[in-house]
Protein backbone atom coordinates (compact mmCIF):
# COMPACT_ATOMS: atom_id res chain seq x y z
CA MET A 1 -73.97 -38.72 -68.64
CA MET A 2 -70.48 -37.79 -69.10
CA GLN A 3 -71.91 -34.89 -67.94
CA LEU A 4 -72.71 -36.34 -64.77
CA GLN A 5 -69.32 -38.16 -64.62
CA ARG A 6 -67.49 -35.72 -64.54
CA ASN A 7 -69.56 -33.45 -62.37
CA LYS A 8 -69.13 -35.96 -60.15
CA PRO A 9 -66.12 -34.97 -58.15
CA LEU A 10 -67.55 -31.44 -57.62
CA LEU A 11 -70.29 -32.81 -56.35
CA ILE A 12 -68.23 -34.77 -54.27
CA VAL A 13 -66.56 -31.54 -52.86
CA GLY A 14 -69.85 -29.47 -52.87
CA THR A 15 -71.54 -31.70 -50.07
CA ILE A 16 -68.14 -32.17 -47.58
CA VAL A 17 -68.12 -28.44 -47.63
CA ILE A 18 -71.48 -27.93 -47.35
CA LEU A 19 -71.79 -31.02 -44.34
CA ILE A 20 -69.09 -28.88 -42.67
CA VAL A 21 -70.88 -25.93 -42.38
CA GLY A 22 -73.22 -27.93 -41.35
CA ALA A 23 -71.60 -28.86 -38.26
CA ARG A 24 -70.28 -25.69 -37.43
CA LEU A 25 -73.11 -24.09 -37.69
CA LEU A 26 -74.39 -26.61 -34.88
CA LEU A 27 -71.92 -26.73 -32.70
CA THR A 28 -71.82 -22.88 -32.70
CA ALA A 29 -75.70 -23.42 -31.36
CA LEU A 30 -75.17 -25.43 -29.16
CA SER A 31 -72.07 -23.64 -27.48
CA GLU A 32 -74.35 -20.85 -27.32
CA ARG A 33 -77.78 -23.38 -25.29
CA THR A 34 -75.15 -24.92 -23.20
CA GLY A 35 -72.50 -22.06 -22.41
CA SER A 36 -68.48 -22.17 -24.05
CA VAL A 37 -66.22 -22.86 -21.13
CA ASP A 38 -62.19 -21.83 -22.01
CA PRO A 39 -60.87 -24.12 -19.67
CA ARG A 40 -57.62 -22.15 -19.44
CA ILE A 41 -59.88 -19.31 -18.02
CA THR A 42 -61.69 -21.73 -15.08
CA LEU A 43 -57.66 -22.49 -14.50
CA LEU A 44 -56.97 -18.91 -14.35
CA SER A 45 -60.12 -17.71 -12.16
CA ASN A 46 -60.57 -20.59 -9.52
CA GLU A 47 -56.99 -19.42 -8.74
CA ALA A 48 -57.84 -15.91 -8.42
CA GLN A 49 -60.24 -17.02 -6.51
CA GLN A 50 -58.32 -19.52 -4.30
CA ARG A 51 -55.32 -16.95 -3.77
CA ILE A 52 -58.29 -14.17 -2.76
CA GLU A 53 -59.19 -17.01 -0.26
CA ARG A 54 -55.75 -17.71 0.98
CA GLN A 55 -55.24 -13.52 1.63
CA ARG A 56 -58.65 -13.41 3.36
CA ARG A 57 -57.52 -16.08 5.89
CA GLN A 58 -54.08 -14.54 6.08
CA GLN A 59 -56.02 -11.12 7.40
CA VAL A 60 -58.09 -13.18 9.12
CA HIS A 61 -55.58 -14.36 11.41
CA ALA A 62 -52.97 -11.75 11.82
CA PHE A 63 -56.08 -9.46 12.87
CA MET A 64 -57.51 -12.36 15.52
CA SER A 65 -53.79 -12.98 17.00
CA VAL A 66 -53.23 -8.78 16.91
CA ALA A 67 -56.60 -8.85 18.92
CA GLU A 68 -55.89 -12.07 21.19
CA GLY A 69 -52.22 -10.50 21.93
CA GLU A 70 -54.05 -6.81 23.15
CA VAL A 71 -56.38 -8.50 25.39
CA SER A 72 -53.86 -11.11 26.87
CA ARG A 73 -51.52 -7.99 27.60
CA THR A 74 -54.31 -5.71 28.79
CA GLU A 75 -54.97 -8.64 31.00
CA GLU A 76 -51.82 -9.12 33.00
CA ARG A 77 -51.95 -5.56 32.56
CA ILE A 78 -54.68 -5.04 35.15
CA ARG A 79 -53.51 -8.22 37.90
CA GLU A 80 -50.52 -5.89 37.72
CA ALA A 81 -52.12 -2.66 38.65
CA ALA A 82 -53.90 -4.74 40.98
CA ALA A 83 -51.21 -6.03 42.67
CA LEU A 84 -49.51 -2.98 43.09
CA ALA A 85 -52.80 -1.38 44.87
CA LEU A 86 -53.13 -4.41 47.32
CA VAL A 87 -49.53 -3.83 48.02
CA ALA A 88 -49.97 0.01 48.60
CA THR A 89 -53.49 -0.40 50.04
CA LEU A 90 -52.03 -3.26 52.54
CA VAL A 91 -48.31 -0.91 53.70
CA ALA A 92 -50.73 1.94 54.12
CA ALA A 93 -53.14 0.72 55.81
CA ASN A 94 -50.09 -0.96 58.43
CA GLU A 95 -48.56 2.09 58.49
CA SER A 96 -51.67 3.53 59.50
CA LEU A 97 -52.83 1.68 62.16
CA GLY A 98 -49.05 1.97 63.91
CA ARG A 99 -49.29 4.89 63.48
CA ARG A 100 -46.60 6.25 61.03
CA THR A 101 -48.51 6.80 57.95
CA PRO A 102 -47.36 7.76 55.16
CA ALA A 103 -46.43 11.02 54.51
CA SER A 104 -46.36 10.87 50.81
CA THR A 105 -47.03 8.92 47.64
CA ASN A 106 -42.62 8.28 47.41
CA ALA A 107 -42.55 6.96 51.24
CA LEU A 108 -45.53 4.96 50.67
CA LEU A 109 -43.46 3.24 47.40
CA VAL A 110 -40.13 3.00 48.94
CA GLY A 111 -41.24 1.05 51.67
CA VAL A 112 -43.24 -0.94 49.44
CA ASN A 113 -40.22 -1.72 48.16
CA ALA A 114 -38.01 -1.21 51.30
CA ALA A 115 -40.95 -4.32 52.57
CA GLY A 116 -39.85 -6.37 49.73
CA LEU A 117 -43.78 -6.61 48.64
CA LEU A 118 -43.32 -5.46 45.11
CA PRO A 119 -44.67 -8.01 43.28
CA PRO A 120 -43.29 -10.27 40.66
CA GLY A 121 -41.54 -8.61 37.22
CA MET A 122 -42.00 -5.16 39.15
CA ARG A 123 -38.76 -2.49 39.24
CA LEU A 124 -39.01 0.90 40.83
CA ASP A 125 -37.05 4.06 39.39
CA GLU A 126 -37.25 5.57 42.98
CA SER A 127 -35.93 8.71 41.49
CA SER A 128 -39.04 9.24 38.38
CA GLY A 129 -41.37 7.22 41.18
CA LEU A 130 -42.31 5.10 39.07
CA VAL A 131 -43.18 1.51 39.02
CA HIS A 132 -41.26 -1.10 35.93
CA SER A 133 -42.86 -4.26 34.17
CA VAL A 134 -42.48 -5.69 31.48
CA ARG A 135 -45.89 -4.95 29.83
CA GLY A 136 -46.04 -1.56 30.97
CA GLU A 137 -45.01 1.41 33.62
CA LEU A 138 -47.40 2.56 36.22
CA GLN A 139 -47.44 5.51 38.78
CA LEU A 140 -49.00 5.19 42.56
CA ARG A 141 -50.51 8.18 43.88
CA TYR A 142 -51.68 8.29 47.16
CA ARG A 143 -53.92 10.11 49.45
CA PHE A 144 -53.83 9.41 53.71
CA GLU A 145 -57.77 10.78 54.65
CA PRO A 146 -59.67 9.34 53.49
CA LEU A 147 -56.99 6.53 52.31
CA GLU A 148 -57.21 6.81 48.53
CA ILE A 149 -54.67 4.83 46.37
CA GLU A 150 -54.81 5.13 43.14
CA VAL A 151 -52.89 3.29 40.09
CA LEU A 152 -52.63 3.76 36.65
CA SER A 153 -51.10 1.76 34.25
CA VAL A 154 -49.38 3.31 30.57
CA GLY A 155 -48.11 0.02 28.18
CA LYS A 156 -44.97 0.47 26.26
CA GLU A 157 -45.96 -0.92 23.33
CA ARG A 158 -49.63 -0.51 21.30
CA LEU A 159 -49.80 -4.21 21.92
CA ASP A 160 -49.69 -3.52 25.35
CA GLY A 161 -53.12 -2.07 25.06
CA PRO A 162 -55.33 1.06 26.37
CA MET A 163 -54.38 2.88 29.20
CA LEU A 164 -56.06 2.10 32.01
CA LEU A 165 -56.28 3.10 36.29
CA ILE A 166 -57.56 1.33 39.27
CA ARG A 167 -58.25 3.19 41.99
CA VAL A 168 -59.06 1.20 45.73
CA SER A 169 -60.80 4.16 48.07
CA GLN A 170 -62.42 3.97 51.72
CA SER A 171 -64.93 6.84 52.26
CA SER A 172 -67.09 7.70 54.60
CA SER A 173 -70.14 7.95 52.01
CA HIS A 174 -69.55 3.86 51.83
CA SER A 175 -71.86 1.50 54.76
CA LYS A 176 -69.06 0.60 57.92
CA ALA A 177 -70.54 -2.86 56.60
CA ASN A 178 -68.90 -2.54 53.42
CA PRO A 179 -66.35 0.01 53.69
CA GLU A 180 -64.10 -1.70 50.21
CA VAL A 181 -64.31 0.33 47.01
CA ALA A 182 -62.30 -0.70 43.94
CA GLN A 183 -62.58 1.15 40.72
CA LEU A 184 -61.50 0.07 37.74
CA TYR A 185 -61.25 2.70 34.55
CA ILE A 186 -60.08 1.24 30.34
CA ALA A 187 -59.30 3.84 28.03
CA THR A 188 -61.56 3.16 25.31
CA ARG A 189 -59.21 4.40 21.96
CA LEU A 190 -55.29 3.41 22.25
CA ASP A 191 -54.13 7.22 21.10
CA GLU A 192 -54.71 10.91 22.75
CA VAL A 193 -56.12 10.39 25.79
CA PRO A 194 -54.93 12.31 28.24
CA LEU A 195 -53.33 11.42 31.92
CA PRO A 196 -55.81 12.14 34.03
CA ARG A 197 -54.90 13.18 37.48
CA PRO A 198 -55.02 12.10 40.89
CA PHE A 199 -57.92 11.03 42.11
CA MET A 200 -60.06 13.14 39.58
CA SER A 201 -63.92 12.68 40.06
CA GLU A 202 -65.53 9.49 37.94
CA ALA A 203 -67.58 12.15 35.71
CA GLU A 204 -64.61 14.07 34.75
CA ILE A 205 -62.70 10.16 33.82
CA ILE A 206 -65.00 9.22 31.10
CA THR A 207 -64.87 12.89 29.93
CA LEU A 208 -61.10 12.08 28.95
CA GLY A 209 -62.03 9.06 27.09
CA PHE A 210 -62.38 5.78 29.89
CA ALA A 211 -65.14 3.84 30.55
CA PRO A 212 -65.68 2.15 33.75
CA GLU A 213 -65.57 -1.23 34.18
CA PRO A 214 -66.89 -3.17 37.60
CA PHE A 215 -63.91 -4.74 39.80
CA ARG A 216 -64.23 -6.16 42.83
CA ALA A 217 -60.59 -7.91 43.61
CA VAL A 218 -58.84 -5.57 45.57
CA THR A 219 -60.20 -5.58 49.24
CA LEU A 220 -59.66 -2.46 51.58
CA PRO A 221 -58.66 -3.31 55.44
CA ASN A 222 -61.07 -0.85 57.41
CA PRO A 223 -58.44 0.85 60.79
CA GLU A 224 -61.25 1.80 62.28
CA ALA A 225 -61.87 -1.93 63.10
CA ASN A 226 -59.50 -2.76 65.47
CA LYS A 227 -60.32 0.72 67.37
């Protein structure tokens, strides 16, 4: 009896140790089943995910801004080139009716400028023969027989979009009922596209890296209609 009383503290300590070890083994088994989660790791993972998502949204927004800006500026330049082509066509046709056919592209441009018919926002540099606008430089090409007008537009910067060419022509191959033809060609890339020579064939223009687009906004007057 006395021996039991002397060993009682040891029994109590042993029981406590067994309970602690058992509890730890039970917690370990449960964690292996349910999966342990370190709150610090979870927090860092969430922050990294949020940062990645935020950067992705910023990149998408930047890309869309650039894309929309390029598209809108290209459309603006198409309108500019079409306006210049229409004005030049009208002046050339009117002068032809009065037997005062412009002898050259420069003469036609000078006549357009002198009549105050350059579209708004455009300025003629008579020394170079180029027409300047906010978004680009425009080069007019002209020949009078058959009457054909080309406007080549080159953007001032990459965001202004690709090179484009508008051609307005009157050819004997077209019917008298529909004598007007307006064609639009847009470069398929921003760099390394050669400047097309005046009045190249469509096949040659496409070979340079342009794609034809339907365009019928410019109507060419027919001088023969009043004869």
